Protein backbone atom coordinates (compact mmCIF):
# COMPACT_ATOMS: atom_id res chain seq x y z
CA MET A 1 52.50 113.42 80.33
CA THR A 2 51.19 110.16 81.83
CA ASP A 3 51.16 109.41 85.52
CA SER A 4 54.07 107.00 85.06
CA GLY A 5 56.02 109.73 83.23
CA TRP A 6 55.53 112.16 86.11
CA GLU A 7 56.59 109.43 88.58
CA ASN A 8 59.78 108.73 86.59
CA SER A 9 60.70 112.40 86.32
CA GLY A 10 60.05 112.83 90.04
CA PHE A 11 62.29 109.86 90.82
CA LEU A 12 65.08 111.26 88.63
CA LEU A 13 64.80 114.66 90.28
CA ARG A 14 65.00 113.13 93.75
CA SER A 15 67.99 111.01 92.69
CA GLN A 16 69.79 114.07 91.34
CA LYS A 17 69.22 115.89 94.62
CA VAL A 18 70.57 112.92 96.61
CA PHE A 19 73.74 112.68 94.47
CA LEU A 20 74.17 116.45 94.64
CA LYS A 21 74.03 116.35 98.44
CA ILE A 22 76.51 113.46 98.51
CA GLY A 23 78.81 115.44 96.23
CA ILE A 24 78.58 118.55 98.43
CA VAL A 25 79.33 116.50 101.56
CA TYR A 26 82.31 114.86 99.81
CA VAL A 27 83.75 118.19 98.64
CA LEU A 28 83.31 119.71 102.10
CA GLY A 29 85.04 116.67 103.61
CA ILE A 30 88.01 117.05 101.26
CA ILE A 31 88.22 120.78 102.08
CA LEU A 32 88.17 120.04 105.82
CA LEU A 33 90.98 117.49 105.39
CA ALA A 34 93.18 120.28 104.05
CA PHE A 35 93.21 121.75 107.58
CA PRO A 36 95.81 120.18 109.90
CA ILE A 37 93.42 119.70 112.84
CA PHE A 38 90.94 117.65 110.78
CA GLN A 39 93.71 115.85 108.91
CA ARG A 40 95.24 114.82 112.22
CA GLN A 41 91.96 113.31 113.38
CA ALA A 42 91.52 111.40 110.11
CA ILE A 43 95.05 109.98 110.01
CA TYR A 44 95.60 109.10 113.66
CA LEU A 45 92.04 108.48 114.95
CA HIS A 46 93.61 108.99 118.37
CA ASN A 47 90.29 109.98 119.91
CA VAL A 48 88.92 106.50 119.24
CA HIS A 49 89.48 105.15 122.75
CA TRP A 50 89.22 101.38 122.80
CA PRO A 51 88.78 99.44 124.91
CA LEU A 52 86.56 101.74 126.92
CA PHE A 53 87.64 102.41 130.50
CA ALA A 54 90.97 100.63 129.95
CA ARG A 55 93.02 99.91 133.08
CA PHE A 56 96.58 100.38 131.88
CA ASP A 57 97.79 99.86 135.46
CA ALA A 58 96.17 96.39 135.41
CA PRO A 59 97.34 94.70 132.18
CA HIS A 60 95.95 91.36 133.40
CA TYR A 61 92.45 92.80 132.90
CA HIS A 62 93.24 92.88 129.19
CA GLY A 63 94.57 89.35 128.78
CA LEU A 64 98.17 89.39 130.01
CA ALA A 65 99.36 87.23 132.90
CA PRO A 66 99.42 88.86 136.36
CA PHE A 67 102.68 90.70 137.11
CA LYS A 68 104.19 89.91 133.72
CA THR A 69 104.02 93.56 132.65
CA LEU A 70 105.52 96.79 133.91
CA ASN A 71 103.22 99.76 133.29
CA ILE A 72 105.30 102.94 133.08
CA LYS A 73 105.23 106.55 131.96
CA LEU A 74 108.09 107.84 129.82
CA THR A 75 108.97 111.52 129.60
CA THR A 76 110.03 112.64 126.13
CA SER A 77 112.68 115.23 125.26
CA ASP A 78 109.91 117.80 124.74
CA ASP A 79 108.43 117.03 128.18
CA VAL A 80 105.43 114.92 127.13
CA ARG A 81 104.47 111.90 129.27
CA ILE A 82 103.50 108.79 127.31
CA GLY A 83 102.19 105.45 128.55
CA ALA A 84 104.04 102.21 127.90
CA TRP A 85 104.13 98.51 128.79
CA PHE A 86 107.24 96.39 129.15
CA ILE A 87 106.23 92.72 128.95
CA LEU A 88 108.64 90.01 130.03
CA SER A 89 109.41 87.17 127.65
CA ASP A 90 107.56 84.03 128.66
CA SER A 91 110.85 82.39 129.68
CA ALA A 92 111.84 85.34 131.88
CA TYR A 93 108.38 85.42 133.43
CA LYS A 94 108.38 81.71 134.28
CA SER A 95 111.92 81.75 135.63
CA SER A 96 110.97 84.58 138.00
CA GLY A 97 108.00 82.82 139.58
CA ALA A 98 105.21 83.21 137.01
CA PHE A 99 101.82 83.19 138.77
CA ASN A 100 103.57 83.07 142.17
CA ARG A 101 104.86 86.60 141.61
CA THR A 102 103.52 89.30 143.90
CA GLN A 103 104.54 92.46 142.02
CA PRO A 104 105.27 93.76 138.52
CA PRO A 105 108.80 93.41 137.11
CA SER A 106 111.35 95.67 138.80
CA LEU A 107 113.87 97.67 136.77
CA SER A 108 116.58 95.19 137.77
CA GLU A 109 114.42 92.36 136.37
CA VAL A 110 113.87 94.39 133.20
CA THR A 111 117.65 94.81 132.81
CA ARG A 112 118.20 91.08 133.29
CA ALA A 113 115.50 90.23 130.74
CA LEU A 114 116.94 92.71 128.23
CA LYS A 115 120.34 91.03 128.51
CA ASP A 116 119.03 87.46 128.38
CA PHE A 117 116.42 87.76 125.61
CA PRO A 118 115.78 89.76 122.43
CA THR A 119 113.23 92.57 122.63
CA VAL A 120 110.56 93.61 120.14
CA LEU A 121 109.87 97.35 120.21
CA PHE A 122 106.35 97.61 118.83
CA PHE A 123 104.70 100.61 117.18
CA HIS A 124 100.98 100.09 116.68
CA GLY A 125 98.61 101.46 114.06
CA ASN A 126 96.10 104.27 114.38
CA ALA A 127 93.11 104.29 116.75
CA ALA A 128 92.59 102.38 120.01
CA SER A 129 95.41 101.73 122.50
CA ARG A 130 98.03 99.24 123.62
CA ALA A 131 95.29 97.40 125.56
CA VAL A 132 93.07 96.50 122.59
CA GLU A 133 92.46 92.75 122.28
CA TYR A 134 94.20 91.87 119.01
CA ARG A 135 97.33 93.77 120.05
CA VAL A 136 97.45 91.99 123.40
CA GLN A 137 97.14 88.66 121.57
CA PHE A 138 100.13 89.72 119.45
CA TYR A 139 102.19 90.48 122.59
CA SER A 140 101.45 87.01 123.93
CA LEU A 141 102.56 85.39 120.68
CA VAL A 142 105.82 87.35 120.67
CA THR A 143 106.70 86.59 124.29
CA LEU A 144 105.84 82.90 123.89
CA ARG A 145 106.85 81.90 120.34
CA LEU A 146 109.89 84.17 120.04
CA ARG A 147 110.84 84.05 123.72
CA ALA A 148 111.29 87.79 123.37
CA ASN A 149 110.41 90.72 125.60
CA LEU A 150 108.01 93.27 124.16
CA PHE A 151 107.96 97.02 124.70
CA VAL A 152 104.98 99.00 123.42
CA ILE A 153 104.12 102.68 123.75
CA ASP A 154 100.95 104.64 123.20
CA TYR A 155 101.89 107.67 121.15
CA ARG A 156 101.16 111.17 122.40
CA GLY A 157 97.45 111.90 122.24
CA PHE A 158 96.56 108.18 122.47
CA ALA A 159 95.17 106.38 125.51
CA ASP A 160 96.81 107.65 128.73
CA SER A 161 99.50 109.70 126.93
CA GLU A 162 99.54 113.48 126.96
CA SER A 163 99.40 116.08 124.16
CA PHE A 164 98.29 115.39 120.56
CA PRO A 165 99.91 113.40 117.74
CA SER A 166 102.07 114.71 114.93
CA GLU A 167 104.71 113.12 112.72
CA ALA A 168 107.53 114.90 114.53
CA GLY A 169 105.97 114.11 117.89
CA LEU A 170 105.65 110.39 117.18
CA ASN A 171 109.26 110.33 116.07
CA ILE A 172 110.24 111.78 119.45
CA ASP A 173 108.04 109.21 121.23
CA ALA A 174 109.68 106.36 119.29
CA ARG A 175 113.17 107.62 120.07
CA THR A 176 112.24 107.97 123.76
CA SER A 177 111.19 104.30 123.88
CA TRP A 178 114.43 103.23 122.16
CA ASP A 179 116.54 105.30 124.57
CA TRP A 180 114.73 103.78 127.56
CA LEU A 181 115.62 100.28 126.41
CA ILE A 182 119.27 101.20 125.86
CA GLU A 183 119.49 103.01 129.22
CA ASN A 184 118.16 99.89 130.94
CA GLY A 185 120.75 97.58 129.45
CA ALA A 186 119.55 96.48 126.00
CA ASP A 187 122.08 95.82 123.25
CA PRO A 188 120.93 97.54 120.01
CA LYS A 189 121.60 94.28 118.12
CA ASP A 190 118.99 92.57 120.34
CA ILE A 191 116.21 95.06 119.54
CA ILE A 192 113.78 94.42 116.69
CA LEU A 193 111.63 97.34 115.57
CA LEU A 194 108.20 96.12 114.52
CA GLY A 195 105.56 98.45 113.11
CA GLN A 196 102.00 97.75 112.07
CA SER A 197 100.15 100.02 109.61
CA LEU A 198 100.75 103.61 110.83
CA GLY A 199 103.50 102.22 113.05
CA THR A 200 105.52 101.12 110.01
CA GLY A 201 106.18 104.76 109.17
CA VAL A 202 107.25 105.41 112.76
CA ALA A 203 109.48 102.31 112.90
CA THR A 204 111.20 103.02 109.56
CA LYS A 205 111.96 106.60 110.51
CA LEU A 206 113.50 105.47 113.81
CA ALA A 207 115.48 102.69 112.08
CA ALA A 208 116.91 105.17 109.56
CA GLN A 209 117.86 107.53 112.38
CA ILE A 210 119.58 104.79 114.38
CA THR A 211 121.47 103.55 111.30
CA LYS A 212 122.65 107.09 110.57
CA GLU A 213 124.07 107.27 114.11
CA GLY A 214 126.15 104.14 113.46
CA MET A 215 124.22 101.71 115.66
CA THR A 216 123.34 98.20 114.49
CA LEU A 217 119.71 97.11 114.84
CA GLY A 218 118.51 93.57 115.34
CA GLY A 219 116.03 94.09 112.52
CA LEU A 220 113.07 95.98 111.09
CA VAL A 221 109.67 94.34 110.55
CA LEU A 222 106.91 96.14 108.64
CA THR A 223 103.44 94.58 108.75
CA ALA A 224 100.79 96.05 106.42
CA PRO A 225 102.97 99.07 105.56
CA PHE A 226 102.35 101.94 103.16
CA SER A 227 104.94 103.56 100.92
CA SER A 228 103.90 107.09 101.93
CA VAL A 229 100.79 108.79 103.28
CA ALA A 230 100.29 110.72 100.03
CA LYS A 231 100.39 107.51 97.98
CA LEU A 232 98.15 105.75 100.48
CA LEU A 233 95.46 108.42 100.34
CA GLU A 234 95.26 108.09 96.55
CA THR A 235 93.90 104.56 97.04
CA TYR A 236 92.68 104.54 100.65
CA SER A 237 89.17 103.31 101.44
CA PHE A 238 87.67 104.16 104.82
CA ALA A 239 86.64 100.95 106.60
CA GLY A 240 87.83 99.14 103.48
CA TYR A 241 84.81 100.22 101.42
CA ILE A 242 84.48 104.00 101.14
CA PRO A 243 87.11 105.54 98.81
CA LEU A 244 88.51 108.76 100.21
CA PHE A 245 90.53 110.47 97.49
CA ARG A 246 89.97 107.98 94.67
CA PRO A 247 87.16 109.98 93.03
CA LEU A 248 89.67 112.82 92.57
CA GLN A 249 91.78 110.61 90.30
CA MET A 250 89.49 111.42 87.37
CA PHE A 251 90.73 115.01 87.46
CA PRO A 252 94.09 116.20 86.06
CA TYR A 253 96.83 116.91 88.62
CA ALA A 254 94.93 114.99 91.34
CA SER A 255 98.16 113.50 92.71
CA TYR A 256 99.72 116.96 92.86
CA ILE A 257 96.70 118.35 94.74
CA ILE A 258 96.73 115.49 97.26
CA ASP A 259 100.46 115.92 97.80
CA ARG A 260 100.04 119.64 98.44
CA ILE A 261 97.31 119.34 101.06
CA ILE A 262 98.91 116.50 103.03
CA HIS A 263 100.82 117.78 106.05
CA THR A 264 101.69 114.32 107.41
CA ARG A 265 104.19 112.51 105.18
CA TYR A 266 105.61 109.27 106.68
CA ASP A 267 107.56 108.88 103.44
CA THR A 268 108.77 105.35 104.14
CA ILE A 269 109.82 104.62 100.57
CA SER A 270 112.37 107.45 100.63
CA LEU A 271 113.85 106.31 103.97
CA ILE A 272 113.89 102.52 103.81
CA SER A 273 117.04 102.30 101.68
CA ASN A 274 118.94 104.04 104.49
CA VAL A 275 118.17 101.22 106.94
CA GLN A 276 121.02 98.69 107.24
CA CYS A 277 119.68 95.67 109.08
CA PRO A 278 117.59 92.58 108.24
CA ILE A 279 114.20 93.71 106.92
CA LEU A 280 110.96 91.71 106.81
CA ILE A 281 107.87 93.06 105.04
CA VAL A 282 104.54 91.32 105.60
CA HIS A 283 101.28 92.06 103.82
CA ALA A 284 98.06 90.19 103.06
CA LYS A 285 96.44 90.16 99.65
CA ASP A 286 93.02 90.66 101.25
CA ASP A 287 94.05 93.79 103.18
CA GLY A 288 91.10 96.10 102.54
CA THR A 289 92.71 99.12 104.17
CA ILE A 290 96.20 99.31 102.64
CA PRO A 291 96.64 97.49 99.30
CA SER A 292 99.57 95.06 99.22
CA PHE A 293 101.18 96.86 96.26
CA HIS A 294 102.60 99.30 98.83
CA SER A 295 104.75 96.45 100.19
CA THR A 296 105.68 95.41 96.66
CA ASP A 297 106.88 98.98 96.02
CA LEU A 298 109.00 98.95 99.21
CA PHE A 299 110.54 95.58 98.31
CA SER A 300 111.27 96.84 94.78
CA LYS A 301 112.87 100.00 96.19
CA LEU A 302 115.31 97.89 98.22
CA LEU A 303 116.06 95.65 95.24
CA ASP A 304 116.49 98.45 92.71
CA PRO A 305 120.23 99.20 93.30
CA GLN A 306 121.06 95.68 92.06
CA LEU A 307 119.11 96.02 88.80
CA PRO A 308 120.10 97.65 85.49
CA PRO A 309 119.10 101.34 85.61
CA TRP A 310 116.33 102.66 83.43
CA PRO A 311 117.71 104.49 80.35
CA PHE A 312 115.96 107.73 81.32
CA THR A 313 113.70 109.04 84.05
CA SER A 314 110.09 110.12 83.84
CA ASP A 315 111.20 113.65 84.75
CA SER A 316 112.93 113.99 81.36
CA ASN A 317 109.85 113.02 79.37
CA LEU A 318 106.21 113.98 79.23
CA GLY A 319 105.17 110.36 79.53
CA ALA A 320 104.88 107.15 77.55
CA LEU A 321 102.77 108.82 74.87
CA SER A 322 105.66 111.14 74.00
CA TRP A 323 108.31 108.41 73.76
CA THR A 324 109.90 107.69 70.41
CA THR A 325 110.08 104.23 68.88
CA GLU A 326 113.73 104.03 69.91
CA GLN A 327 112.92 105.00 73.50
CA LEU A 328 110.17 102.38 73.70
CA ALA A 329 112.64 99.78 72.46
CA GLN A 330 115.15 100.88 75.12
CA ILE A 331 112.52 100.60 77.84
CA THR A 332 111.50 97.13 76.64
CA ARG A 333 115.10 95.88 76.59
CA THR A 334 115.80 97.30 80.04
CA ALA A 335 112.60 95.78 81.47
CA GLU A 336 113.64 92.37 80.14
CA GLU A 337 117.14 92.75 81.60
CA ARG A 338 115.76 93.80 84.98
CA ALA A 339 113.37 90.83 85.01
CA ALA A 340 116.23 88.44 84.22
CA VAL A 341 118.45 89.85 86.99
CA THR A 342 115.55 89.80 89.45
CA GLN A 343 114.98 86.11 88.70
CA LYS A 344 118.64 85.39 89.52
CA ILE A 345 118.81 87.49 92.69
CA VAL A 346 115.41 86.97 94.30
CA ILE A 347 114.58 83.57 95.82
CA THR A 348 110.84 82.89 95.63
CA SER A 349 109.09 80.10 97.49
CA LEU A 350 105.57 79.03 98.34
CA THR A 351 104.78 78.40 102.01
CA GLY A 352 101.85 76.28 103.17
CA PRO A 353 99.77 73.74 101.20
CA GLU A 354 99.69 74.22 97.42
CA ASP A 355 95.89 74.17 97.31
CA ALA A 356 95.57 76.64 100.21
CA PRO A 357 98.88 78.51 100.50
CA PHE A 358 99.85 80.55 103.52
CA GLY A 359 101.71 82.92 101.24
CA VAL A 360 104.63 83.56 98.92
CA VAL A 361 108.04 84.51 100.29
CA LYS A 362 110.58 86.51 98.29
CA SER A 363 114.07 87.25 99.61
CA PHE A 364 117.48 88.54 98.57
CA ASN A 365 120.66 89.83 100.16
CA ARG A 366 121.50 93.51 99.83
CA LEU A 367 124.82 94.83 98.58
CA GLU A 368 127.70 95.14 101.05
CA GLY A 369 127.56 98.92 100.82
CA GLU A 370 123.94 98.75 102.02
CA GLY A 371 124.80 96.49 104.95
CA GLY A 372 124.61 93.19 103.07
CA LYS A 373 121.60 92.07 105.14
CA ARG A 374 118.66 89.97 104.04
CA VAL A 375 115.37 91.43 102.84
CA MET A 376 112.25 89.26 102.94
CA PHE A 377 108.73 89.90 101.72
CA LEU A 378 105.95 87.59 102.88
CA GLU A 379 102.77 88.18 100.89
CA MET A 380 100.03 86.24 102.65
CA GLU A 381 97.05 84.82 100.84
CA ARG A 382 94.79 85.90 103.71
CA GLY A 383 95.31 87.86 106.88
CA GLY A 384 93.41 91.13 106.61
CA HIS A 385 94.86 94.32 108.02
CA SER A 386 94.93 94.48 111.81
CA ASP A 387 94.64 90.72 112.31
CA ILE A 388 97.87 90.06 110.44
CA VAL A 389 99.90 90.40 113.65
CA ARG A 390 97.84 87.64 115.31
CA SER A 391 99.12 84.99 112.91
CA GLU A 392 101.46 82.38 114.40
CA GLY A 393 103.02 81.99 110.97
CA VAL A 394 103.87 85.69 110.81
CA ILE A 395 105.50 85.59 114.25
CA ASP A 396 107.55 82.56 113.23
CA TYR A 397 108.73 84.36 110.10
CA VAL A 398 109.78 87.30 112.27
CA GLY A 399 111.94 84.93 114.32
CA TRP A 400 113.41 83.28 111.25
CA ALA A 401 114.05 86.47 109.27
CA MET A 402 115.51 88.34 112.25
CA ARG A 403 117.52 85.29 113.38
CA THR A 404 116.37 85.58 116.97
CA ARG A 405 118.01 83.17 119.35
CA ASP A 406 115.46 80.37 119.02
CA TYR A 407 115.59 80.53 115.21
CA VAL A 408 119.34 80.72 114.49
């Protein structure tokens, strides 16, 4: 063999070793994710503390106006203390002295603000804390453009909150924040639940619970949501580039395996139909973390009761390959009927310049038995994942879709 032949074979051998090592690391990573403790770290990233050395007792260090925010600790029903900020609407802050104030809002001022202005109850995504820069910028937009108060918690295990996160635990945290607002004078109809990323699962679960109890919400806003954790992990890419479970898709029963090893569900798509209030879904096409088809699926789920039903379910068949000619014809006819009804029911409009659109808005009114409220889906041309909540246009759509007092 020539020298070049030996060099080529050596290169191939080294390459095989590298790919083998990568494969071993990947398999070990997947095995570790089957254990709840590692899965919890991967889903919540609650040990990513940012900003470093945050001063939650000094919100003005993180971009909020002095004495505009009340920093508090809530105690949950299972005796866990979680950190929270109540931020006055800009109008309430200015009417109470603004920069001439000498102390944070008192509980009596909170009660007055809750009665005079709508309140956004915000549930953030994974990692970092309520003090991270882009979230603080979002609070400022809400309090200024919507003239709304904002209440945000750090879930258990995050920031200055105790314990460790779990789906059940976050549900308790969310309910604790809702109860605090009600106990301090808020009208349920003046509260808008707004979730971002992970927080959309938390917000939807709370909204479904509140609806079941017969209370009327001001609205539910989901920004960059996912349909369920299991579905998300099938397509999720870490940092937007590294596929997590996607390589498993080449193997039979991959979806079944993923579903079996996932302990955290956040099955939003199975809960959202139970929510009876105005709903706004916002997603960007260039979201590299959660693909926008998750929002499309949620919108379709809400629309589905008004469409002709499919002639049979996938459970009664082995799949499209096993369908008869007659069944295929039935499916085709039903698809055409559903498309025609969708075109009649759903109002679609372009927002922004035609050559550089802000996004496409789709909306419809639900059936009376489902509350009869409006559902809107804003699919933005650009916006990313976390930055989507910093868009003035998104905040304005929240006001319009939820019919807050400045947008009625």
